[in-house]
Amino acid sequence: MSPLSESIRRFGPSRRMRHVIYYLIGLVSLIIVYVVAYNYALARLEGVNQSIFASFEFVVQTMTTTGYGQDSDIWSHPLMFLFVALIQISGIAIGFFTLRLIIIPLFTGAEVNLDDRLSPKSDHVIICEYRRDSAILLDELRELGIDYVLISSSREDAESLSNRGYAAIHGSPQAAATFERASINTARAVITDAGNANVNTILTVRTLRPDVDVIALTDDSDMESILRTVGADTVLSPHAVLGHRLAEKAVASFSSELRDTIEIGGKTKLMELPVSESSELVGRRIRDTNVRERTGANIVGAWFDGELQLPPSPDAVVRPNTVLLVSGEETALEELNEFTRPPRSFTEHERFILVGLGEVGQAARSVIEKSGGEVVGIDVEARDGVDVVGDGGSKEALLAAGAENAGAIIIGVPDDSTALLTTALAQSLSSEIEILVRVGDAETTQKAFTAGADYVLSVPRVSARMVAKELRGEDVLAPASQIRLVRVPASEFAGATLANSRIYEQTGCRVIAIEDGDGQTMDVDPQWRFTGDERLTIVGGDEAVQKFLKRFDVSPTDLAR
């Protein structure tokens, strides 16, 4: 190693800085060589004696391509032209090298002050360390018109979100200065999803704003009392809600008892009904099911392979994993339930397999046991409630649990790849088994349906829905439902009929109930002319409802259960 290199290393610069130093030394050396050589060549080849500084100016002009014509009338020797051409070409090459080594890293590597990108905030929500696909929640809030600031302790994550247009800053949610940068003095609420640091975060918030609403998300429902004790106003446990929902759907598939219904006016109720593989509706087009004629219920919408049709196409074919959204009186829904569920009834000996006995599995277990079903648990760890120790993605473990004769399997493992493998294996072992799946990535939902799942819920979607419900007061069929249901004032449509309001055409939402100014529920008549005093109950998917609220600039009102 040369003495110069050793001296530079002892100075302690970074690897990139050493490269820059070597580059500058090489560049200066090359310029000196060119200046001396050019000055000498002019004297020997052209007989021109020129100041060394004039030669320096010529070399710099030539290498930077800012000009090099002032000496051209004194060149005549071929070697002189070749030498000047060499200086020109090397100058261009050095320019590109400078751009790559210094200029581009200087701008792309510069530390960005994310705070400078924030617009003034007031009546906003501060979100701390959201761990469940931040983009899904932030898109939800943005579409609902709820302003926010997301705090992330990971600079990489904060910059990535900020570069994509989200209001995100880098900082510790346990530091008061971070909340001050997020304008906590004018915030309406703080949401914390910081795991074990939730307590520290809540205490930090309470020292700054004792009156601000604090919502805590946790994957451990046992933490609820502790989080409330230290200052959380609301504690949400998405995994527990998701587990309950999957179990309720599984039990409902074998029971004539109606679950998760919402009253939408008078005696009319709304509910979701998964269609089992053995249902007599499977294979029929919607128009040929004759549901209304046979039961009096209406098919409002349907999910086909995870895709919502609202209303469904009359020619759409009902499949084993179709989920119908139906409305009607309780007797009509009970009668329709007989057509969608398996032919055998729920018994105390019905077997339900739980794959993964974490928070999701334990929540599902409690629901099934209360219903009198037999639970067989599969988990990689020997813990309470585990009957088969093994990987849910193992055929041997599923056979040991009796999957070939089970009524339903609930897959609550945290790894999506394992969940998909387990889904495919369960489907191969029994075409009759109901498969209900939890996924951690919303984009995996469609893959799970393709693998054979009958019902799929994603943690990010459930979490975002729960948060939106707390902040906006919206109601849904259930916190983990795939359908959103809201009631809105009809003032925006005064003087128009339901038909020419073009609500469905413009937003994809469907009006399923109309309540007049006296609180009486009326039939949904396309020719009804709104006075503006009515309240409308609309139903739709996430994006459709968000589009409706934004398009017509209305806020949801309370929806009776």
Protein backbone atom coordinates (compact mmCIF):
# COMPACT_ATOMS: atom_id res chain seq x y z
CA MET A 1 0.00 0.00 0.00
CA SER A 2 1.36 3.44 -0.95
CA PRO A 3 2.21 6.02 1.74
CA LEU A 4 -0.55 8.26 0.36
CA SER A 5 -3.19 5.52 0.64
CA GLU A 6 -2.03 4.68 4.15
CA SER A 7 -2.25 8.34 5.18
CA ILE A 8 -5.79 8.61 3.80
CA ARG A 9 -6.91 5.46 5.63
CA ARG A 10 -5.48 6.72 8.93
CA PHE A 11 -7.57 9.87 8.46
CA GLY A 12 -10.65 7.60 8.83
CA PRO A 13 -12.97 8.63 5.97
CA SER A 14 -15.74 6.34 4.74
CA ARG A 15 -15.22 4.06 1.77
CA ARG A 16 -17.13 6.40 -0.52
CA MET A 17 -15.22 9.44 0.76
CA ARG A 18 -11.91 7.68 0.09
CA HIS A 19 -13.02 7.09 -3.49
CA VAL A 20 -13.84 10.78 -3.85
CA ILE A 21 -10.42 11.77 -2.45
CA TYR A 22 -8.63 9.41 -4.84
CA TYR A 23 -10.70 10.76 -7.69
CA LEU A 24 -9.87 14.40 -6.91
CA ILE A 25 -6.17 13.64 -6.55
CA GLY A 26 -6.19 11.81 -9.89
CA LEU A 27 -8.12 14.63 -11.58
CA VAL A 28 -5.72 17.32 -10.36
CA SER A 29 -2.73 15.22 -11.41
CA LEU A 30 -4.18 14.68 -14.88
CA ILE A 31 -4.84 18.41 -15.34
CA ILE A 32 -1.27 19.25 -14.32
CA VAL A 33 0.10 16.68 -16.80
CA TYR A 34 -2.11 18.06 -19.58
CA VAL A 35 -1.12 21.69 -18.84
CA VAL A 36 2.58 20.96 -18.83
CA ALA A 37 2.36 18.71 -21.91
CA TYR A 38 0.27 21.25 -23.87
CA ASN A 39 2.55 24.12 -22.99
CA TYR A 40 5.62 22.08 -24.02
CA ALA A 41 3.96 20.84 -27.25
CA LEU A 42 3.13 24.39 -28.35
CA ALA A 43 6.74 25.43 -27.87
CA ARG A 44 8.37 22.40 -29.60
CA LEU A 45 5.82 21.57 -32.32
CA GLU A 46 4.32 24.96 -33.15
CA GLY A 47 7.11 27.32 -32.04
CA VAL A 48 4.73 29.26 -29.80
CA ASN A 49 5.85 30.29 -26.33
CA GLN A 50 2.77 30.70 -24.10
CA SER A 51 2.24 31.39 -20.40
CA ILE A 52 1.65 28.27 -18.31
CA PHE A 53 -1.53 29.93 -16.99
CA ALA A 54 -2.85 30.41 -20.54
CA SER A 55 -2.24 26.69 -21.13
CA PHE A 56 -4.06 25.92 -17.87
CA GLU A 57 -7.07 27.94 -19.03
CA PHE A 58 -7.11 26.09 -22.36
CA VAL A 59 -7.02 22.65 -20.70
CA VAL A 60 -9.83 23.52 -18.25
CA GLN A 61 -11.99 24.96 -21.06
CA THR A 62 -11.44 21.91 -23.21
CA MET A 63 -12.07 19.30 -20.48
CA THR A 64 -15.25 21.03 -19.31
CA THR A 65 -16.42 21.58 -22.92
CA THR A 66 -17.00 25.29 -22.22
CA GLY A 67 -14.76 26.32 -25.13
CA TYR A 68 -11.47 25.43 -26.79
CA GLY A 69 -11.26 27.45 -30.01
CA GLN A 70 -9.01 30.29 -28.95
CA ASP A 71 -5.77 28.41 -29.86
CA SER A 72 -7.02 26.51 -32.90
CA ASP A 73 -5.45 28.93 -35.41
CA ILE A 74 -1.96 28.16 -34.12
CA TRP A 75 -2.15 24.34 -34.48
CA SER A 76 -0.66 22.77 -37.56
CA HIS A 77 1.29 19.69 -36.45
CA PRO A 78 -0.69 16.37 -36.58
CA LEU A 79 0.48 15.36 -33.11
CA MET A 80 -0.94 18.60 -31.77
CA PHE A 81 -4.37 17.83 -33.15
CA LEU A 82 -4.24 14.30 -31.73
CA PHE A 83 -3.22 15.60 -28.32
CA VAL A 84 -6.04 18.17 -28.24
CA ALA A 85 -8.53 15.46 -29.27
CA LEU A 86 -7.28 13.30 -26.38
CA ILE A 87 -7.93 16.14 -23.93
CA GLN A 88 -11.45 16.61 -25.35
CA ILE A 89 -12.39 12.92 -25.16
CA SER A 90 -10.96 12.43 -21.68
CA GLY A 91 -12.80 15.57 -20.51
CA ILE A 92 -16.13 14.09 -21.59
CA ALA A 93 -15.32 10.75 -19.91
CA ILE A 94 -14.31 12.48 -16.69
CA GLY A 95 -17.56 14.48 -16.78
CA PHE A 96 -19.65 11.30 -16.79
CA PHE A 97 -17.49 9.80 -14.06
CA THR A 98 -17.95 12.92 -11.92
CA LEU A 99 -21.70 12.73 -12.37
CA ARG A 100 -21.80 9.09 -11.28
CA LEU A 101 -19.37 9.32 -8.38
CA ILE A 102 -20.19 12.69 -6.85
CA ILE A 103 -23.20 14.51 -8.27
CA ILE A 104 -25.83 11.72 -8.22
CA PRO A 105 -24.85 10.38 -4.74
CA LEU A 106 -24.79 13.95 -3.44
CA PHE A 107 -28.46 14.48 -4.23
CA THR A 108 -29.86 10.97 -3.77
CA GLY A 109 -27.93 10.35 -0.58
CA ALA A 110 -28.72 13.68 1.02
CA GLU A 111 -30.78 13.44 4.17
CA VAL A 112 -34.34 14.57 3.49
CA ASN A 113 -36.20 16.55 6.11
CA LEU A 114 -39.60 14.87 5.92
CA ASP A 115 -41.11 17.50 8.23
CA ASP A 116 -40.73 20.06 5.44
CA ARG A 117 -43.13 18.01 3.31
CA LEU A 118 -45.98 18.23 5.83
CA SER A 119 -48.79 20.66 5.25
CA PRO A 120 -50.19 22.50 8.32
CA LYS A 121 -52.17 20.03 10.45
CA SER A 122 -55.28 20.54 12.57
CA ASP A 123 -57.93 18.10 13.81
CA HIS A 124 -55.77 15.31 12.46
CA VAL A 125 -54.81 11.82 13.62
CA ILE A 126 -51.29 10.87 14.67
CA ILE A 127 -50.42 7.24 13.90
CA CYS A 128 -47.46 5.65 15.67
CA GLU A 129 -45.52 2.65 14.30
CA TYR A 130 -48.41 1.15 12.32
CA ARG A 131 -47.33 -2.42 11.56
CA ARG A 132 -50.11 -3.76 9.31
CA ASP A 133 -49.43 -2.39 5.83
CA SER A 134 -49.54 1.34 6.46
CA ALA A 135 -50.62 2.17 2.91
CA ILE A 136 -53.99 0.40 3.34
CA LEU A 137 -54.87 2.39 6.47
CA LEU A 138 -53.53 5.68 5.11
CA ASP A 139 -55.46 5.26 1.86
CA GLU A 140 -58.58 4.59 3.91
CA LEU A 141 -58.12 7.73 5.99
CA ARG A 142 -57.27 9.86 2.99
CA GLU A 143 -60.38 8.73 1.09
CA LEU A 144 -62.52 9.44 4.16
CA GLY A 145 -61.09 12.94 4.40
CA ILE A 146 -59.33 12.31 7.72
CA ASP A 147 -56.02 14.16 7.94
CA TYR A 148 -53.12 12.32 9.56
CA VAL A 149 -49.40 12.15 10.32
CA LEU A 150 -47.67 8.79 10.55
CA ILE A 151 -44.63 8.48 12.83
CA SER A 152 -42.12 5.71 12.04
CA SER A 153 -38.90 4.97 13.89
CA SER A 154 -37.56 3.51 10.63
CA ARG A 155 -36.16 6.26 8.43
CA GLU A 156 -36.30 3.93 5.42
CA ASP A 157 -40.02 3.21 5.91
CA ALA A 158 -40.82 6.87 6.62
CA GLU A 159 -39.01 8.06 3.49
CA SER A 160 -40.61 5.34 1.37
CA LEU A 161 -44.12 6.36 2.48
CA SER A 162 -43.31 10.06 2.13
CA ASN A 163 -41.95 9.54 -1.38
CA ARG A 164 -45.24 7.85 -2.29
CA GLY A 165 -47.22 10.88 -1.16
CA TYR A 166 -48.16 9.90 2.40
CA ALA A 167 -47.75 12.27 5.36
CA ALA A 168 -45.01 10.39 7.23
CA ILE A 169 -42.13 11.54 9.42
CA HIS A 170 -39.20 9.80 11.04
CA GLY A 171 -38.86 9.79 14.81
CA SER A 172 -39.38 7.90 18.05
CA PRO A 173 -42.99 7.75 19.30
CA GLN A 174 -41.55 7.68 22.81
CA ALA A 175 -40.01 11.15 22.40
CA ALA A 176 -42.07 14.27 23.17
CA ALA A 177 -40.24 16.22 20.45
CA THR A 178 -41.54 13.81 17.79
CA PHE A 179 -45.16 14.45 18.78
CA GLU A 180 -44.54 18.18 18.80
CA ARG A 181 -43.26 17.92 15.23
CA ALA A 182 -46.49 16.04 14.41
CA SER A 183 -48.56 18.94 15.87
CA ILE A 184 -50.05 17.00 18.76
CA ASN A 185 -51.50 20.20 20.25
CA THR A 186 -54.05 20.34 17.43
CA ALA A 187 -54.57 16.57 16.92
CA ARG A 188 -57.93 14.91 17.48
CA ALA A 189 -56.58 11.43 18.24
CA VAL A 190 -53.45 9.32 18.54
CA ILE A 191 -53.31 5.74 17.26
CA THR A 192 -50.49 3.57 18.53
CA ASP A 193 -49.54 0.17 17.15
CA ALA A 194 -46.06 0.02 18.65
CA GLY A 195 -46.21 -3.48 20.14
CA ASN A 196 -44.29 -3.68 23.41
CA ALA A 197 -43.67 0.07 23.21
CA ASN A 198 -47.40 0.88 23.32
CA VAL A 199 -47.29 1.63 27.04
CA ASN A 200 -44.31 3.98 26.68
CA THR A 201 -45.99 5.72 23.74
CA ILE A 202 -49.29 6.20 25.58
CA LEU A 203 -47.55 7.63 28.65
CA THR A 204 -45.62 10.05 26.42
CA VAL A 205 -48.85 11.21 24.81
CA ARG A 206 -50.59 11.67 28.15
CA THR A 207 -47.82 13.92 29.43
CA LEU A 208 -48.35 16.18 26.41
CA ARG A 209 -52.12 16.00 25.89
CA PRO A 210 -54.19 14.47 28.71
CA ASP A 211 -57.39 15.21 26.75
CA VAL A 212 -56.54 13.70 23.35
CA ASP A 213 -58.28 10.45 22.37
CA VAL A 214 -55.86 7.50 22.35
CA ILE A 215 -56.58 4.33 20.36
CA ALA A 216 -54.24 1.37 20.88
CA LEU A 217 -53.93 -1.67 18.63
CA THR A 218 -52.55 -4.88 20.07
CA ASP A 219 -52.07 -8.47 18.97
CA ASP A 220 -52.50 -9.66 22.55
CA SER A 221 -56.01 -9.17 23.93
CA ASP A 222 -54.66 -9.82 27.45
CA MET A 223 -52.98 -6.41 27.21
CA GLU A 224 -56.29 -4.55 27.02
CA SER A 225 -56.63 -3.85 30.75
CA ILE A 226 -53.00 -2.71 31.00
CA LEU A 227 -53.30 -0.35 28.03
CA ARG A 228 -56.50 1.14 29.42
CA THR A 229 -54.87 1.59 32.81
CA VAL A 230 -52.02 3.68 31.39
CA GLY A 231 -54.35 5.89 29.39
CA ALA A 232 -55.76 4.26 26.25
CA ASP A 233 -59.39 5.23 25.63
CA THR A 234 -59.98 2.43 23.12
CA VAL A 235 -58.13 -0.86 22.63
CA LEU A 236 -58.54 -2.75 19.37
CA SER A 237 -57.43 -6.34 18.88
CA PRO A 238 -57.72 -7.08 15.13
CA HIS A 239 -56.48 -10.65 15.44
CA ALA A 240 -59.10 -11.50 18.07
CA VAL A 241 -61.89 -9.92 15.98
CA LEU A 242 -60.67 -11.74 12.89
CA GLY A 243 -60.59 -15.07 14.74
CA HIS A 244 -64.12 -14.55 16.08
CA ARG A 245 -65.36 -13.67 12.62
CA LEU A 246 -63.85 -16.72 10.94
CA ALA A 247 -65.29 -19.01 13.62
CA GLU A 248 -68.74 -17.41 13.42
CA LYS A 249 -68.72 -17.95 9.67
CA ALA A 250 -67.65 -21.56 10.12
CA VAL A 251 -70.37 -22.30 12.69
CA ALA A 252 -73.00 -20.42 10.67
CA SER A 253 -72.35 -22.72 7.71
CA PHE A 254 -73.83 -25.62 9.67
CA SER A 255 -76.48 -23.79 11.68
CA SER A 256 -79.96 -22.54 10.80
CA GLU A 257 -79.48 -19.78 13.39
CA LEU A 258 -78.88 -16.39 11.79
CA ARG A 259 -75.73 -14.56 12.87
CA ASP A 260 -74.26 -11.13 12.14
CA THR A 261 -77.49 -9.58 10.90
CA ILE A 262 -78.09 -5.83 10.88
CA GLU A 263 -81.51 -4.22 10.96
CA ILE A 264 -81.75 -1.74 8.11
CA GLY A 265 -85.28 -0.57 8.76
CA GLY A 266 -88.49 -2.09 10.02
CA LYS A 267 -88.25 -5.87 10.00
CA THR A 268 -85.72 -5.94 7.16
CA LYS A 269 -82.25 -7.27 7.94
CA LEU A 270 -79.03 -7.63 6.01
CA MET A 271 -76.49 -10.44 6.28
CA GLU A 272 -73.76 -12.36 4.47
CA LEU A 273 -74.30 -16.01 3.55
CA PRO A 274 -71.38 -18.16 2.33
CA VAL A 275 -72.52 -20.82 -0.12
CA SER A 276 -71.29 -24.32 0.69
CA GLU A 277 -70.09 -26.70 -2.00
CA SER A 278 -73.05 -29.04 -1.43
CA SER A 279 -75.65 -26.25 -1.60
CA GLU A 280 -78.36 -26.67 -4.22
CA LEU A 281 -77.57 -23.14 -5.46
CA VAL A 282 -74.10 -24.12 -6.70
CA GLY A 283 -73.85 -24.16 -10.48
CA ARG A 284 -76.93 -22.01 -11.03
CA ARG A 285 -77.00 -18.54 -12.51
CA ILE A 286 -78.28 -15.82 -10.19
CA ARG A 287 -81.37 -15.39 -12.37
CA ASP A 288 -82.15 -19.11 -12.05
CA THR A 289 -81.88 -19.35 -8.27
CA ASN A 290 -85.37 -17.81 -7.85
CA VAL A 291 -84.37 -16.71 -4.36
CA ARG A 292 -86.95 -13.94 -4.12
CA GLU A 293 -89.80 -16.16 -5.37
CA ARG A 294 -88.88 -19.04 -3.05
CA THR A 295 -88.00 -17.14 0.13
CA GLY A 296 -88.90 -13.47 -0.18
CA ALA A 297 -85.26 -12.46 0.36
CA ASN A 298 -83.27 -10.31 -2.07
CA ILE A 299 -79.74 -10.91 -3.28
CA VAL A 300 -78.21 -7.46 -2.92
CA GLY A 301 -74.67 -8.39 -3.89
CA ALA A 302 -72.24 -11.28 -4.07
CA TRP A 303 -68.54 -12.00 -3.80
CA PHE A 304 -67.21 -14.26 -6.54
CA ASP A 305 -63.63 -15.43 -5.87
CA GLY A 306 -63.12 -12.38 -3.68
CA GLU A 307 -64.49 -9.91 -6.23
CA LEU A 308 -67.59 -7.95 -5.24
CA GLN A 309 -70.49 -7.60 -7.68
CA LEU A 310 -73.08 -5.13 -6.46
CA PRO A 311 -75.62 -6.01 -7.70
CA PRO A 312 -74.50 -9.35 -9.12
CA SER A 313 -74.91 -10.02 -12.80
CA PRO A 314 -78.05 -12.14 -13.46
CA ASP A 315 -75.83 -14.45 -15.50
CA ALA A 316 -73.19 -14.86 -12.78
CA VAL A 317 -72.86 -18.49 -11.70
CA VAL A 318 -72.96 -19.33 -7.98
CA ARG A 319 -69.83 -21.20 -6.92
CA PRO A 320 -68.85 -23.04 -3.73
CA ASN A 321 -66.88 -20.06 -2.38
CA THR A 322 -69.49 -17.44 -3.34
CA VAL A 323 -70.64 -15.20 -0.48
CA LEU A 324 -74.13 -13.76 -0.96
CA LEU A 325 -75.18 -10.42 0.52
CA VAL A 326 -78.92 -10.73 1.14
CA SER A 327 -81.69 -8.65 2.67
CA GLY A 328 -85.16 -9.52 3.89
CA GLU A 329 -87.22 -10.34 6.94
CA GLU A 330 -85.81 -12.86 9.40
CA THR A 331 -88.06 -15.70 8.24
CA ALA A 332 -87.00 -15.14 4.63
CA LEU A 333 -83.30 -15.13 5.56
CA GLU A 334 -83.72 -18.31 7.63
CA GLU A 335 -85.34 -20.04 4.68
CA LEU A 336 -82.59 -18.87 2.32
CA ASN A 337 -79.99 -20.09 4.80
CA GLU A 338 -81.28 -23.61 4.27
CA PHE A 339 -80.35 -23.38 0.60
CA THR A 340 -76.80 -22.09 1.15
CA ARG A 341 -75.53 -24.23 4.02
CA PRO A 342 -74.52 -27.90 3.84
CA PRO A 343 -77.40 -30.43 3.92
CA ARG A 344 -76.33 -31.80 7.30
CA SER A 345 -77.11 -29.79 10.43
CA PHE A 346 -74.69 -28.62 13.05
CA THR A 347 -74.23 -31.12 15.87
CA GLU A 348 -72.29 -31.09 19.09
CA HIS A 349 -69.89 -33.52 17.47
CA GLU A 350 -69.16 -31.40 14.41
CA ARG A 351 -65.38 -31.21 14.05
CA PHE A 352 -63.62 -27.92 13.45
CA ILE A 353 -59.88 -27.89 12.85
CA LEU A 354 -57.87 -24.87 13.93
CA VAL A 355 -54.46 -24.48 12.30
CA GLY A 356 -52.43 -22.08 14.43
CA LEU A 357 -53.36 -21.50 18.07
CA GLY A 358 -52.15 -17.93 18.37
CA GLU A 359 -54.45 -14.97 19.00
CA VAL A 360 -56.57 -15.76 15.94
CA GLY A 361 -56.87 -19.45 16.77
CA GLN A 362 -57.67 -18.92 20.44
CA ALA A 363 -60.39 -16.41 19.57
CA ALA A 364 -61.90 -18.84 17.07
CA ARG A 365 -61.70 -21.66 19.60
CA SER A 366 -63.80 -19.80 22.17
CA VAL A 367 -66.58 -19.20 19.63
CA ILE A 368 -66.70 -22.82 18.47
CA GLU A 369 -66.64 -24.25 21.98
CA LYS A 370 -69.54 -22.01 23.01
CA SER A 371 -71.47 -23.38 20.04
CA GLY A 372 -70.83 -26.96 21.18
CA GLY A 373 -68.52 -28.01 18.37
CA GLU A 374 -65.52 -30.27 18.68
CA VAL A 375 -62.21 -28.45 18.24
CA VAL A 376 -58.98 -30.05 17.07
CA GLY A 377 -55.98 -27.75 17.24
CA ILE A 378 -52.80 -27.96 15.15
CA ASP A 379 -49.74 -25.90 16.03
CA VAL A 380 -45.97 -26.17 15.71
CA GLU A 381 -45.66 -25.66 19.49
CA ALA A 382 -47.08 -27.81 22.24
CA ARG A 383 -49.30 -25.30 24.00
CA ASP A 384 -52.72 -25.20 25.63
CA GLY A 385 -55.39 -26.45 23.22
CA VAL A 386 -52.98 -28.11 20.78
CA ASP A 387 -54.01 -31.66 19.91
CA VAL A 388 -51.61 -32.24 17.01
CA VAL A 389 -48.10 -30.83 17.21
CA GLY A 390 -46.93 -30.22 13.66
CA ASP A 391 -46.88 -27.92 10.67
CA GLY A 392 -50.32 -27.04 9.29
CA GLY A 393 -48.80 -27.30 5.84
CA SER A 394 -48.11 -31.00 6.46
CA LYS A 395 -50.49 -33.60 5.08
CA GLU A 396 -49.64 -35.89 7.98
CA ALA A 397 -50.73 -33.26 10.53
CA LEU A 398 -54.03 -32.63 8.75
CA LEU A 399 -54.76 -36.36 8.53
CA ALA A 400 -53.93 -36.77 12.22
CA ALA A 401 -56.46 -34.05 12.99
CA GLY A 402 -59.13 -35.81 10.90
CA ALA A 403 -59.36 -33.22 8.12
CA GLU A 404 -60.95 -35.69 5.70
CA ASN A 405 -64.05 -35.91 7.95
CA ALA A 406 -64.11 -32.41 9.45
CA GLY A 407 -66.85 -29.86 8.84
CA ALA A 408 -64.56 -26.85 8.59
CA ILE A 409 -60.94 -25.79 8.94
CA ILE A 410 -59.87 -22.35 10.13
CA ILE A 411 -56.34 -21.42 9.07
CA GLY A 412 -54.89 -18.72 11.32
CA VAL A 413 -51.14 -19.13 10.84
CA PRO A 414 -49.14 -15.89 10.50
CA ASP A 415 -47.23 -16.97 7.39
CA ASP A 416 -49.21 -16.54 4.16
CA SER A 417 -47.25 -19.16 2.24
CA THR A 418 -48.07 -21.77 4.90
CA ALA A 419 -51.71 -20.64 4.88
CA LEU A 420 -51.95 -21.12 1.10
CA LEU A 421 -50.28 -24.53 1.28
CA THR A 422 -52.63 -25.64 4.08
CA THR A 423 -55.63 -24.41 2.08
CA ALA A 424 -54.63 -26.42 -0.98
CA LEU A 425 -53.92 -29.55 1.10
CA ALA A 426 -57.24 -29.34 2.96
CA GLN A 427 -59.11 -28.97 -0.33
CA SER A 428 -57.33 -32.03 -1.72
CA LEU A 429 -58.22 -34.13 1.34
CA SER A 430 -61.91 -33.23 1.36
CA SER A 431 -63.99 -31.36 -1.20
CA GLU A 432 -66.75 -30.97 1.42
CA ILE A 433 -64.73 -29.17 4.07
CA GLU A 434 -65.35 -25.44 4.62
CA ILE A 435 -62.03 -23.56 4.48
CA LEU A 436 -61.71 -20.18 6.21
CA VAL A 437 -58.38 -18.35 6.04
CA ARG A 438 -56.59 -15.45 7.67
CA VAL A 439 -53.94 -13.74 5.51
CA GLY A 440 -51.41 -11.12 6.49
CA ASP A 441 -51.14 -9.48 3.08
CA ALA A 442 -54.28 -8.11 1.43
CA GLU A 443 -52.90 -9.09 -1.99
CA THR A 444 -52.88 -12.74 -0.91
CA THR A 445 -56.69 -12.79 -0.65
CA GLN A 446 -57.27 -13.72 -4.29
CA LYS A 447 -54.59 -16.41 -4.12
CA ALA A 448 -56.35 -18.00 -1.15
CA PHE A 449 -59.64 -18.18 -3.06
CA THR A 450 -57.85 -19.74 -6.01
CA ALA A 451 -56.29 -22.32 -3.68
CA GLY A 452 -59.76 -23.38 -2.51
CA ALA A 453 -60.72 -21.11 0.41
CA ASP A 454 -64.40 -20.40 1.01
CA TYR A 455 -63.90 -17.27 3.11
CA VAL A 456 -60.82 -15.07 3.49
CA LEU A 457 -60.04 -12.11 5.75
CA SER A 458 -56.85 -10.05 5.68
CA VAL A 459 -55.36 -8.53 8.82
CA PRO A 460 -54.59 -5.14 7.16
CA ARG A 461 -58.16 -4.75 5.88
CA VAL A 462 -59.73 -5.74 9.19
CA SER A 463 -57.43 -3.40 11.12
CA ALA A 464 -58.06 -0.44 8.81
CA ARG A 465 -61.82 -1.03 9.00
CA MET A 466 -61.78 -1.11 12.78
CA VAL A 467 -59.76 2.11 12.98
CA ALA A 468 -62.04 3.86 10.46
CA LYS A 469 -65.09 2.80 12.44
CA GLU A 470 -63.66 4.34 15.61
CA LEU A 471 -62.63 7.58 13.92
CA ARG A 472 -65.54 8.15 11.56
CA GLY A 473 -68.37 6.37 13.33
CA GLU A 474 -69.14 4.26 10.26
CA ASP A 475 -70.86 0.97 10.68
CA VAL A 476 -70.17 -2.27 8.91
CA LEU A 477 -71.80 -5.65 8.79
CA ALA A 478 -69.17 -6.67 11.35
CA PRO A 479 -65.75 -5.21 12.14
CA ALA A 480 -64.17 -7.89 9.98
CA SER A 481 -66.81 -7.88 7.26
CA GLN A 482 -66.03 -7.61 3.58
CA ILE A 483 -69.02 -5.26 3.14
CA ARG A 484 -69.42 -1.74 4.50
CA LEU A 485 -72.84 -0.43 5.42
CA VAL A 486 -73.51 3.26 6.14
CA ARG A 487 -76.54 5.47 6.64
CA VAL A 488 -76.40 8.95 5.16
CA PRO A 489 -78.75 11.95 4.86
CA ALA A 490 -80.52 12.40 1.51
CA SER A 491 -80.21 16.20 1.47
CA GLU A 492 -77.79 16.02 -1.45
CA PHE A 493 -80.50 14.34 -3.59
CA ALA A 494 -83.47 16.62 -2.79
CA GLY A 495 -85.75 16.91 -5.82
CA ALA A 496 -84.24 13.92 -7.62
CA THR A 497 -85.57 10.40 -7.93
CA LEU A 498 -83.54 7.40 -6.88
CA ALA A 499 -83.29 6.36 -10.53
CA ASN A 500 -81.82 9.63 -11.81
CA SER A 501 -79.58 10.18 -8.78
CA ARG A 502 -77.16 7.76 -10.48
CA ILE A 503 -75.71 6.68 -7.14
CA TYR A 504 -74.76 3.22 -8.35
CA GLU A 505 -73.40 4.39 -11.70
CA GLN A 506 -71.20 7.04 -10.10
CA THR A 507 -69.96 5.21 -7.01
CA GLY A 508 -70.79 1.50 -7.18
CA CYS A 509 -72.87 1.72 -3.99
CA ARG A 510 -76.44 0.46 -3.79
CA VAL A 511 -79.32 1.95 -1.81
CA ILE A 512 -81.00 -0.85 0.15
CA ALA A 513 -83.28 1.11 2.48
CA ILE A 514 -84.96 4.52 2.63
CA GLU A 515 -86.22 6.03 5.87
CA ASP A 516 -88.52 9.04 5.63
CA GLY A 517 -88.47 12.12 7.86
CA ASP A 518 -90.80 10.41 10.36
CA GLY A 519 -88.48 7.43 10.77
CA GLN A 520 -90.64 5.05 8.74
CA THR A 521 -88.90 2.62 6.40
CA MET A 522 -90.20 2.58 2.85
CA ASP A 523 -89.77 0.21 -0.06
CA VAL A 524 -86.85 1.08 -2.31
CA ASP A 525 -88.70 2.57 -5.28
CA PRO A 526 -86.51 3.83 -8.18
CA GLN A 527 -89.13 6.52 -8.89
CA TRP A 528 -89.23 7.85 -5.32
CA ARG A 529 -88.53 11.60 -5.36
CA PHE A 530 -86.40 12.68 -2.41
CA THR A 531 -87.49 15.63 -0.28
CA GLY A 532 -84.09 15.81 1.41
CA ASP A 533 -85.38 14.75 4.84
CA GLU A 534 -84.86 11.04 4.24
CA ARG A 535 -81.97 8.87 5.35
CA LEU A 536 -80.48 6.36 2.96
CA THR A 537 -78.84 3.09 3.88
CA ILE A 538 -76.18 2.28 1.29
CA VAL A 539 -74.02 -0.79 0.95
CA GLY A 540 -70.78 -1.35 -0.90
CA GLY A 541 -67.17 -2.39 -0.73
CA ASP A 542 -64.46 -0.23 0.81
CA GLU A 543 -63.58 1.77 -2.29
CA ALA A 544 -67.20 2.23 -3.35
CA VAL A 545 -68.30 3.67 0.01
CA GLN A 546 -65.25 5.92 0.15
CA LYS A 547 -66.07 7.17 -3.36
CA PHE A 548 -69.71 7.81 -2.36
CA LEU A 549 -68.80 9.84 0.74
CA LYS A 550 -66.27 11.87 -1.22
CA ARG A 551 -68.38 12.31 -4.37
CA PHE A 552 -71.49 13.59 -2.55
CA ASP A 553 -69.66 15.18 0.41
CA VAL A 554 -71.83 13.58 3.10
CA SER A 555 -71.03 12.15 6.52
CA PRO A 556 -72.47 8.86 7.80
CA THR A 557 -74.95 8.90 10.66
CA ASP A 558 -75.56 6.26 13.33
CA LEU A 559 -76.91 2.96 12.05
CA ALA A 560 -79.16 0.96 14.36
CA ARG A 561 -78.24 -2.65 14.97
